[in-house]
PDB file of N, CA and C in Angstrom:
ATOM      1  N   MET A   1      -6.376   6.153   5.346  1.00  0.00           N
ATOM      2  CA  MET A   1      -6.799   7.155   4.464  1.00  0.00           C
ATOM      3  C   MET A   1      -8.203   7.637   4.759  1.00  0.00           C
ATOM      4  N   VAL A   2      -8.478   9.024   4.848  1.00  0.00           N
ATOM      5  CA  VAL A   2      -9.761   9.401   5.204  1.00  0.00           C
ATOM      6  C   VAL A   2     -10.408  10.184   3.968  1.00  0.00           C
ATOM      7  N   LEU A   3     -11.752  10.258   3.883  1.00  0.00           N
ATOM      8  CA  LEU A   3     -12.262  11.007   2.776  1.00  0.00           C
ATOM      9  C   LEU A   3     -12.700  12.271   3.338  1.00  0.00           C
ATOM     10  N   LYS A   4     -12.622  13.303   2.481  1.00  0.00           N
ATOM     11  CA  LYS A   4     -13.043  14.700   2.847  1.00  0.00           C
ATOM     12  C   LYS A   4     -14.642  14.671   2.675  1.00  0.00           C
ATOM     13  N   LEU A   5     -15.288  15.544   3.285  1.00  0.00           N
ATOM     14  CA  LEU A   5     -16.792  15.706   3.427  1.00  0.00           C
ATOM     15  C   LEU A   5     -17.375  15.590   2.063  1.00  0.00           C
ATOM     16  N   ASN A   6     -17.005  16.336   1.061  1.00  0.00           N
ATOM     17  CA  ASN A   6     -17.632  16.215  -0.168  1.00  0.00           C
ATOM     18  C   ASN A   6     -17.196  15.028  -0.871  1.00  0.00           C
ATOM     19  N   GLN A   7     -16.118  14.250  -0.599  1.00  0.00           N
ATOM     20  CA  GLN A   7     -15.993  12.851  -1.200  1.00  0.00           C
ATOM     21  C   GLN A   7     -16.964  11.878  -0.527  1.00  0.00           C
ATOM     22  N   ASN A   8     -17.001  12.023   0.808  1.00  0.00           N
ATOM     23  CA  ASN A   8     -18.025  11.128   1.500  1.00  0.00           C
ATOM     24  C   ASN A   8     -19.357  11.154   0.921  1.00  0.00           C
ATOM     25  N   GLU A   9     -19.904  12.464   0.706  1.00  0.00           N
ATOM     26  CA  GLU A   9     -21.230  12.477   0.097  1.00  0.00           C
ATOM     27  C   GLU A   9     -21.297  12.018  -1.190  1.00  0.00           C
ATOM     28  N   ALA A  10     -20.215  12.206  -2.046  1.00  0.00           N
ATOM     29  CA  ALA A  10     -20.201  11.688  -3.460  1.00  0.00           C
ATOM     30  C   ALA A  10     -20.200  10.181  -3.387  1.00  0.00           C
ATOM     31  N   PHE A  11     -19.402   9.663  -2.461  1.00  0.00           N
ATOM     32  CA  PHE A  11     -19.304   8.150  -2.382  1.00  0.00           C
ATOM     33  C   PHE A  11     -20.667   7.489  -2.036  1.00  0.00           C
ATOM     34  N   GLU A  12     -21.347   8.161  -1.090  1.00  0.00           N
ATOM     35  CA  GLU A  12     -22.636   7.566  -0.664  1.00  0.00           C
ATOM     36  C   GLU A  12     -23.562   7.601  -1.830  1.00  0.00           C
ATOM     37  N   SER A  13     -23.538   8.652  -2.658  1.00  0.00           N
ATOM     38  CA  SER A  13     -24.339   8.616  -3.843  1.00  0.00           C
ATOM     39  C   SER A  13     -24.083   7.676  -4.960  1.00  0.00           C
ATOM     40  N   PHE A  14     -22.676   7.441  -5.021  1.00  0.00           N
ATOM     41  CA  PHE A  14     -22.092   6.376  -5.952  1.00  0.00           C
ATOM     42  C   PHE A  14     -22.557   5.099  -5.496  1.00  0.00           C
ATOM     43  N   ILE A  15     -22.599   4.686  -4.263  1.00  0.00           N
ATOM     44  CA  ILE A  15     -23.050   3.304  -3.720  1.00  0.00           C
ATOM     45  C   ILE A  15     -24.499   3.259  -3.990  1.00  0.00           C
ATOM     46  N   LYS A  16     -25.279   4.116  -3.633  1.00  0.00           N
ATOM     47  CA  LYS A  16     -26.762   4.045  -3.928  1.00  0.00           C
ATOM     48  C   LYS A  16     -27.055   3.821  -5.432  1.00  0.00           C
ATOM     49  N   ASP A  17     -26.438   4.693  -6.268  1.00  0.00           N
ATOM     50  CA  ASP A  17     -26.522   4.403  -7.705  1.00  0.00           C
ATOM     51  C   ASP A  17     -26.145   3.048  -8.245  1.00  0.00           C
ATOM     52  N   SER A  18     -25.014   2.530  -7.584  1.00  0.00           N
ATOM     53  CA  SER A  18     -24.354   1.229  -8.114  1.00  0.00           C
ATOM     54  C   SER A  18     -25.383   0.080  -7.761  1.00  0.00           C
ATOM     55  N   PHE A  19     -26.185   0.320  -6.682  1.00  0.00           N
ATOM     56  CA  PHE A  19     -27.038  -0.939  -6.243  1.00  0.00           C
ATOM     57  C   PHE A  19     -28.339  -0.526  -6.432  1.00  0.00           C
ATOM     58  N   LYS A  20     -28.776   0.309  -7.314  1.00  0.00           N
ATOM     59  CA  LYS A  20     -30.211   0.592  -7.438  1.00  0.00           C
ATOM     60  C   LYS A  20     -30.957  -0.416  -8.251  1.00  0.00           C
ATOM     61  N   ASN A  21     -32.257  -0.450  -8.295  1.00  0.00           N
ATOM     62  CA  ASN A  21     -33.092  -1.154  -9.187  1.00  0.00           C
ATOM     63  C   ASN A  21     -32.856  -2.725  -9.083  1.00  0.00           C
ATOM     64  N   GLY A  22     -32.472  -3.208  -7.894  1.00  0.00           N
ATOM     65  CA  GLY A  22     -32.371  -4.593  -7.585  1.00  0.00           C
ATOM     66  C   GLY A  22     -31.063  -5.119  -7.917  1.00  0.00           C
ATOM     67  N   THR A  23     -30.060  -4.221  -8.366  1.00  0.00           N
ATOM     68  CA  THR A  23     -28.744  -4.815  -8.538  1.00  0.00           C
ATOM     69  C   THR A  23     -28.097  -5.039  -7.256  1.00  0.00           C
ATOM     70  N   TYR A  24     -27.578  -6.396  -7.103  1.00  0.00           N
ATOM     71  CA  TYR A  24     -26.879  -6.707  -5.790  1.00  0.00           C
ATOM     72  C   TYR A  24     -25.417  -7.172  -5.997  1.00  0.00           C
ATOM     73  N   LEU A  25     -25.019  -7.234  -7.199  1.00  0.00           N
ATOM     74  CA  LEU A  25     -23.608  -7.766  -7.393  1.00  0.00           C
ATOM     75  C   LEU A  25     -22.874  -6.812  -8.452  1.00  0.00           C
ATOM     76  N   ARG A  26     -21.840  -6.231  -7.931  1.00  0.00           N
ATOM     77  CA  ARG A  26     -21.031  -5.291  -8.805  1.00  0.00           C
ATOM     78  C   ARG A  26     -19.522  -5.474  -8.566  1.00  0.00           C
ATOM     79  N   GLU A  27     -18.738  -5.126  -9.698  1.00  0.00           N
ATOM     80  CA  GLU A  27     -17.276  -5.045  -9.459  1.00  0.00           C
ATOM     81  C   GLU A  27     -17.158  -3.528  -9.359  1.00  0.00           C
ATOM     82  N   LEU A  28     -16.470  -3.154  -8.334  1.00  0.00           N
ATOM     83  CA  LEU A  28     -16.177  -1.807  -8.038  1.00  0.00           C
ATOM     84  C   LEU A  28     -14.762  -1.574  -7.696  1.00  0.00           C
ATOM     85  N   ARG A  29     -14.158  -0.375  -8.092  1.00  0.00           N
ATOM     86  CA  ARG A  29     -12.779   0.018  -7.773  1.00  0.00           C
ATOM     87  C   ARG A  29     -12.914   0.830  -6.494  1.00  0.00           C
ATOM     88  N   LEU A  30     -12.341   0.403  -5.317  1.00  0.00           N
ATOM     89  CA  LEU A  30     -12.531   1.029  -4.007  1.00  0.00           C
ATOM     90  C   LEU A  30     -11.270   1.207  -3.343  1.00  0.00           C
ATOM     91  N   SER A  31     -11.207   2.195  -2.570  1.00  0.00           N
ATOM     92  CA  SER A  31     -10.069   2.423  -1.521  1.00  0.00           C
ATOM     93  C   SER A  31     -10.475   1.635  -0.289  1.00  0.00           C
ATOM     94  N   GLU A  32      -9.500   1.668   0.530  1.00  0.00           N
ATOM     95  CA  GLU A  32      -9.647   0.856   1.957  1.00  0.00           C
ATOM     96  C   GLU A  32     -10.749   1.568   2.711  1.00  0.00           C
ATOM     97  N   SER A  33     -10.686   2.906   2.693  1.00  0.00           N
ATOM     98  CA  SER A  33     -11.809   3.556   3.484  1.00  0.00           C
ATOM     99  C   SER A  33     -13.115   3.332   2.934  1.00  0.00           C
ATOM    100  N   GLU A  34     -13.337   3.118   1.588  1.00  0.00           N
ATOM    101  CA  GLU A  34     -14.576   3.011   0.899  1.00  0.00           C
ATOM    102  C   GLU A  34     -15.145   1.455   1.260  1.00  0.00           C
ATOM    103  N   VAL A  35     -14.060   0.592   1.196  1.00  0.00           N
ATOM    104  CA  VAL A  35     -14.415  -0.787   1.529  1.00  0.00           C
ATOM    105  C   VAL A  35     -15.070  -0.742   3.054  1.00  0.00           C
ATOM    106  N   GLU A  36     -14.340  -0.186   3.886  1.00  0.00           N
ATOM    107  CA  GLU A  36     -14.843  -0.061   5.245  1.00  0.00           C
ATOM    108  C   GLU A  36     -16.210   0.500   5.472  1.00  0.00           C
ATOM    109  N   TYR A  37     -16.506   1.458   4.665  1.00  0.00           N
ATOM    110  CA  TYR A  37     -17.767   2.065   4.542  1.00  0.00           C
ATOM    111  C   TYR A  37     -18.936   1.060   4.188  1.00  0.00           C
ATOM    112  N   VAL A  38     -18.475   0.330   3.033  1.00  0.00           N
ATOM    113  CA  VAL A  38     -19.501  -0.692   2.538  1.00  0.00           C
ATOM    114  C   VAL A  38     -19.741  -1.810   3.649  1.00  0.00           C
ATOM    115  N   LYS A  39     -18.666  -2.270   4.226  1.00  0.00           N
ATOM    116  CA  LYS A  39     -18.775  -3.277   5.369  1.00  0.00           C
ATOM    117  C   LYS A  39     -19.543  -2.787   6.521  1.00  0.00           C
ATOM    118  N   THR A  40     -19.393  -1.478   6.870  1.00  0.00           N
ATOM    119  CA  THR A  40     -20.261  -1.007   7.930  1.00  0.00           C
ATOM    120  C   THR A  40     -21.597  -0.739   7.708  1.00  0.00           C
ATOM    121  N   THR A  41     -21.923  -0.316   6.503  1.00  0.00           N
ATOM    122  CA  THR A  41     -23.375   0.015   6.004  1.00  0.00           C
ATOM    123  C   THR A  41     -23.979  -1.275   5.691  1.00  0.00           C
ATOM    124  N   PHE A  42     -23.438  -2.228   5.079  1.00  0.00           N
ATOM    125  CA  PHE A  42     -23.984  -3.561   4.768  1.00  0.00           C
ATOM    126  C   PHE A  42     -23.202  -4.694   5.342  1.00  0.00           C
ATOM    127  N   PRO A  43     -23.516  -5.040   6.766  1.00  0.00           N
ATOM    128  CA  PRO A  43     -22.626  -5.848   7.454  1.00  0.00           C
ATOM    129  C   PRO A  43     -22.393  -7.323   7.059  1.00  0.00           C
ATOM    130  N   ASN A  44     -23.378  -7.753   6.176  1.00  0.00           N
ATOM    131  CA  ASN A  44     -23.357  -9.160   5.711  1.00  0.00           C
ATOM    132  C   ASN A  44     -22.957  -9.187   4.331  1.00  0.00           C
ATOM    133  N   ALA A  45     -22.528  -8.173   3.607  1.00  0.00           N
ATOM    134  CA  ALA A  45     -22.091  -7.946   2.332  1.00  0.00           C
ATOM    135  C   ALA A  45     -20.894  -8.905   2.146  1.00  0.00           C
ATOM    136  N   SER A  46     -20.926  -9.482   0.976  1.00  0.00           N
ATOM    137  CA  SER A  46     -19.587 -10.219   0.530  1.00  0.00           C
ATOM    138  C   SER A  46     -18.673  -9.469  -0.223  1.00  0.00           C
ATOM    139  N   ILE A  47     -17.540  -9.146   0.138  1.00  0.00           N
ATOM    140  CA  ILE A  47     -16.478  -8.321  -0.554  1.00  0.00           C
ATOM    141  C   ILE A  47     -15.260  -8.968  -0.675  1.00  0.00           C
ATOM    142  N   SER A  48     -14.922  -9.343  -1.994  1.00  0.00           N
ATOM    143  CA  SER A  48     -13.670 -10.073  -2.324  1.00  0.00           C
ATOM    144  C   SER A  48     -12.877  -9.337  -3.388  1.00  0.00           C
ATOM    145  N   VAL A  49     -11.393  -9.105  -3.131  1.00  0.00           N
ATOM    146  CA  VAL A  49     -10.591  -8.444  -3.976  1.00  0.00           C
ATOM    147  C   VAL A  49     -10.438  -9.341  -5.269  1.00  0.00           C
ATOM    148  N   ILE A  50     -10.636  -8.777  -6.373  1.00  0.00           N
ATOM    149  CA  ILE A  50     -10.631  -9.437  -7.682  1.00  0.00           C
ATOM    150  C   ILE A  50      -9.281  -9.060  -8.441  1.00  0.00           C
ATOM    151  N   SER A  51      -8.713  -7.949  -8.108  1.00  0.00           N
ATOM    152  CA  SER A  51      -7.329  -7.534  -8.654  1.00  0.00           C
ATOM    153  C   SER A  51      -6.612  -6.714  -7.590  1.00  0.00           C
ATOM    154  N   LYS A  52      -5.379  -7.127  -7.484  1.00  0.00           N
ATOM    155  CA  LYS A  52      -4.565  -6.484  -6.596  1.00  0.00           C
ATOM    156  C   LYS A  52      -3.611  -5.481  -7.192  1.00  0.00           C
ATOM    157  N   THR A  53      -3.862  -5.271  -8.468  1.00  0.00           N
ATOM    158  CA  THR A  53      -2.987  -4.378  -9.354  1.00  0.00           C
ATOM    159  C   THR A  53      -3.274  -3.040  -8.776  1.00  0.00           C
ATOM    160  N   GLU A  54      -2.100  -2.230  -8.454  1.00  0.00           N
ATOM    161  CA  GLU A  54      -2.183  -1.008  -8.028  1.00  0.00           C
ATOM    162  C   GLU A  54      -1.161  -0.036  -8.903  1.00  0.00           C
ATOM    163  N   THR A  55      -1.475   1.029  -9.007  1.00  0.00           N
ATOM    164  CA  THR A  55      -0.354   2.028  -9.654  1.00  0.00           C
ATOM    165  C   THR A  55      -0.007   2.982  -8.589  1.00  0.00           C
ATOM    166  N   ASN A  56       0.971   3.594  -8.889  1.00  0.00           N
ATOM    167  CA  ASN A  56       1.586   4.614  -7.919  1.00  0.00           C
ATOM    168  C   ASN A  56       0.620   5.889  -7.768  1.00  0.00           C
ATOM    169  N   LEU A  57      -0.243   6.040  -8.791  1.00  0.00           N
ATOM    170  CA  LEU A  57      -1.240   7.109  -8.798  1.00  0.00           C
ATOM    171  C   LEU A  57      -2.479   6.761  -8.016  1.00  0.00           C
ATOM    172  N   SER A  58      -2.730   5.519  -7.600  1.00  0.00           N
ATOM    173  CA  SER A  58      -3.942   5.079  -7.030  1.00  0.00           C
ATOM    174  C   SER A  58      -3.674   3.997  -5.966  1.00  0.00           C
ATOM    175  N   VAL A  59      -4.551   4.071  -5.135  1.00  0.00           N
ATOM    176  CA  VAL A  59      -4.554   3.007  -3.945  1.00  0.00           C
ATOM    177  C   VAL A  59      -5.733   2.303  -3.896  1.00  0.00           C
ATOM    178  N   LYS A  60      -6.521   2.399  -5.013  1.00  0.00           N
ATOM    179  CA  LYS A  60      -7.866   1.607  -5.161  1.00  0.00           C
ATOM    180  C   LYS A  60      -7.520   0.420  -5.778  1.00  0.00           C
ATOM    181  N   LYS A  61      -8.364  -0.552  -5.336  1.00  0.00           N
ATOM    182  CA  LYS A  61      -8.352  -2.053  -5.909  1.00  0.00           C
ATOM    183  C   LYS A  61      -9.680  -2.209  -6.421  1.00  0.00           C
ATOM    184  N   TRP A  62      -9.801  -3.350  -7.436  1.00  0.00           N
ATOM    185  CA  TRP A  62     -11.016  -3.937  -7.797  1.00  0.00           C
ATOM    186  C   TRP A  62     -11.638  -4.926  -6.834  1.00  0.00           C
ATOM    187  N   TYR A  63     -12.899  -4.746  -6.377  1.00  0.00           N
ATOM    188  CA  TYR A  63     -13.566  -5.666  -5.670  1.00  0.00           C
ATOM    189  C   TYR A  63     -14.895  -6.218  -6.254  1.00  0.00           C
ATOM    190  N   GLU A  64     -15.305  -7.448  -5.896  1.00  0.00           N
ATOM    191  CA  GLU A  64     -16.508  -7.914  -6.210  1.00  0.00           C
ATOM    192  C   GLU A  64     -17.330  -7.680  -4.961  1.00  0.00           C
ATOM    193  N   VAL A  65     -18.369  -6.893  -4.991  1.00  0.00           N
ATOM    194  CA  VAL A  65     -19.323  -6.602  -3.929  1.00  0.00           C
ATOM    195  C   VAL A  65     -20.672  -7.155  -4.178  1.00  0.00           C
ATOM    196  N   ASN A  66     -21.025  -8.063  -3.305  1.00  0.00           N
ATOM    197  CA  ASN A  66     -22.401  -8.823  -3.354  1.00  0.00           C
ATOM    198  C   ASN A  66     -23.240  -8.449  -2.156  1.00  0.00           C
ATOM    199  N   LEU A  67     -24.297  -7.756  -2.427  1.00  0.00           N
ATOM    200  CA  LEU A  67     -25.218  -7.348  -1.389  1.00  0.00           C
ATOM    201  C   LEU A  67     -26.460  -8.212  -1.163  1.00  0.00           C
ATOM    202  N   LYS A  68     -26.435  -9.265  -1.918  1.00  0.00           N
ATOM    203  CA  LYS A  68     -27.712 -10.187  -1.989  1.00  0.00           C
ATOM    204  C   LYS A  68     -28.207 -10.493  -0.553  1.00  0.00           C
ATOM    205  N   ASN A  69     -27.340 -10.948   0.433  1.00  0.00           N
ATOM    206  CA  ASN A  69     -27.681 -11.194   1.768  1.00  0.00           C
ATOM    207  C   ASN A  69     -27.446 -10.287   2.740  1.00  0.00           C
ATOM    208  N   ALA A  70     -27.134  -8.878   2.232  1.00  0.00           N
ATOM    209  CA  ALA A  70     -26.653  -7.898   3.178  1.00  0.00           C
ATOM    210  C   ALA A  70     -27.855  -7.288   4.031  1.00  0.00           C
ATOM    211  N   HIS A  71     -27.626  -6.955   5.205  1.00  0.00           N
ATOM    212  CA  HIS A  71     -28.677  -6.270   5.988  1.00  0.00           C
ATOM    213  C   HIS A  71     -28.138  -4.729   5.932  1.00  0.00           C
ATOM    214  N   VAL A  72     -29.049  -4.036   5.590  1.00  0.00           N
ATOM    215  CA  VAL A  72     -28.654  -2.543   5.549  1.00  0.00           C
ATOM    216  C   VAL A  72     -28.730  -1.816   6.805  1.00  0.00           C
ATOM    217  N   LYS A  73     -27.675  -1.213   7.263  1.00  0.00           N
ATOM    218  CA  LYS A  73     -27.671  -0.484   8.486  1.00  0.00           C
ATOM    219  C   LYS A  73     -27.679   1.057   8.106  1.00  0.00           C
ATOM    220  N   SER A  74     -27.946   1.879   9.047  1.00  0.00           N
ATOM    221  CA  SER A  74     -28.036   3.241   8.697  1.00  0.00           C
ATOM    222  C   SER A  74     -26.570   3.665   8.254  1.00  0.00           C
ATOM    223  N   PRO A  75     -26.496   4.479   7.232  1.00  0.00           N
ATOM    224  CA  PRO A  75     -25.190   4.903   6.715  1.00  0.00           C
ATOM    225  C   PRO A  75     -24.228   5.486   7.822  1.00  0.00           C
ATOM    226  N   VAL A  76     -23.032   5.101   7.893  1.00  0.00           N
ATOM    227  CA  VAL A  76     -22.090   5.664   8.803  1.00  0.00           C
ATOM    228  C   VAL A  76     -21.325   6.686   8.073  1.00  0.00           C
ATOM    229  N   LYS A  77     -20.916   7.812   8.645  1.00  0.00           N
ATOM    230  CA  LYS A  77     -20.206   8.819   7.992  1.00  0.00           C
ATOM    231  C   LYS A  77     -18.668   8.420   8.110  1.00  0.00           C
ATOM    232  N   LEU A  78     -18.052   8.478   6.998  1.00  0.00           N
ATOM    233  CA  LEU A  78     -16.614   8.231   6.975  1.00  0.00           C
ATOM    234  C   LEU A  78     -15.945   9.213   7.706  1.00  0.00           C
ATOM    235  N   PRO A  79     -14.654   8.898   8.233  1.00  0.00           N
ATOM    236  CA  PRO A  79     -13.872  10.021   8.906  1.00  0.00           C
ATOM    237  C   PRO A  79     -13.709  11.059   7.904  1.00  0.00           C
ATOM    238  N   VAL A  80     -13.661  12.384   8.299  1.00  0.00           N
ATOM    239  CA  VAL A  80     -13.539  13.499   7.439  1.00  0.00           C
ATOM    240  C   VAL A  80     -12.170  14.057   7.821  1.00  0.00           C
ATOM    241  N   ASN A  81     -11.363  14.256   6.692  1.00  0.00           N
ATOM    242  CA  ASN A  81     -10.142  14.890   6.803  1.00  0.00           C
ATOM    243  C   ASN A  81     -10.306  16.487   7.096  1.00  0.00           C
ATOM    244  N   GLN A  82      -9.874  17.077   8.070  1.00  0.00           N
ATOM    245  CA  GLN A  82     -10.092  18.328   8.535  1.00  0.00           C
ATOM    246  C   GLN A  82      -9.046  19.292   7.871  1.00  0.00           C
ATOM    247  N   THR A  83      -8.131  18.844   7.155  1.00  0.00           N
ATOM    248  CA  THR A  83      -7.057  19.660   6.610  1.00  0.00           C
ATOM    249  C   THR A  83      -7.550  20.286   5.374  1.00  0.00           C
TER     250      THR A  83
END
């Protein structure tokens, strides 16, 4: 799954807001491409699935994301769907 350009920008903003003001541990509902973005941007982040429940309407899962020991790399753009 790839994100469209406007989805990519919205997700980058969402991640910044989720971990602002010293917050380093969050439970987030993410797609596979969003998890890959977090892993690429924060290489030492700890990411664990906390719920494997999915519905037919969504492919997102709940993850515990811990950035306490993460090293921040320059954000990587997610693949953009050209359709």
